[in-house]
Amino acid sequence: MAFVQPAIVQTGFIVIPNFVLLLTRGEFRNRYMDFQRTLAGCARVFRDVARRVTGYMVRFSLINLTVGVGAAARSL
């Protein structure tokens, strides 16, 4: 039971900032576009960010899948 409180706190540290970022993503995008001089520059930056985040999520998922398969195979 001693691990429950730290787990809840750590979950809060992940969920709350992500929730705030999701709520303000439109405002962030608009402010960023105000600083950019051209629309093409904005589009290029957002495409690059989307590509990098997608790549990260794919690698992260593959690593977790590999660990899960390895753990399942070891438990057999």
Foldseek 3Di string as FASTA:
>chain_A
DVVPVVVVVVVCVVPVVVVVCVVCVVVVLVVVVVPDPDPVVSVVVVVVVVVVVVVVVVVVVVVVVVVVVVVVVVVD
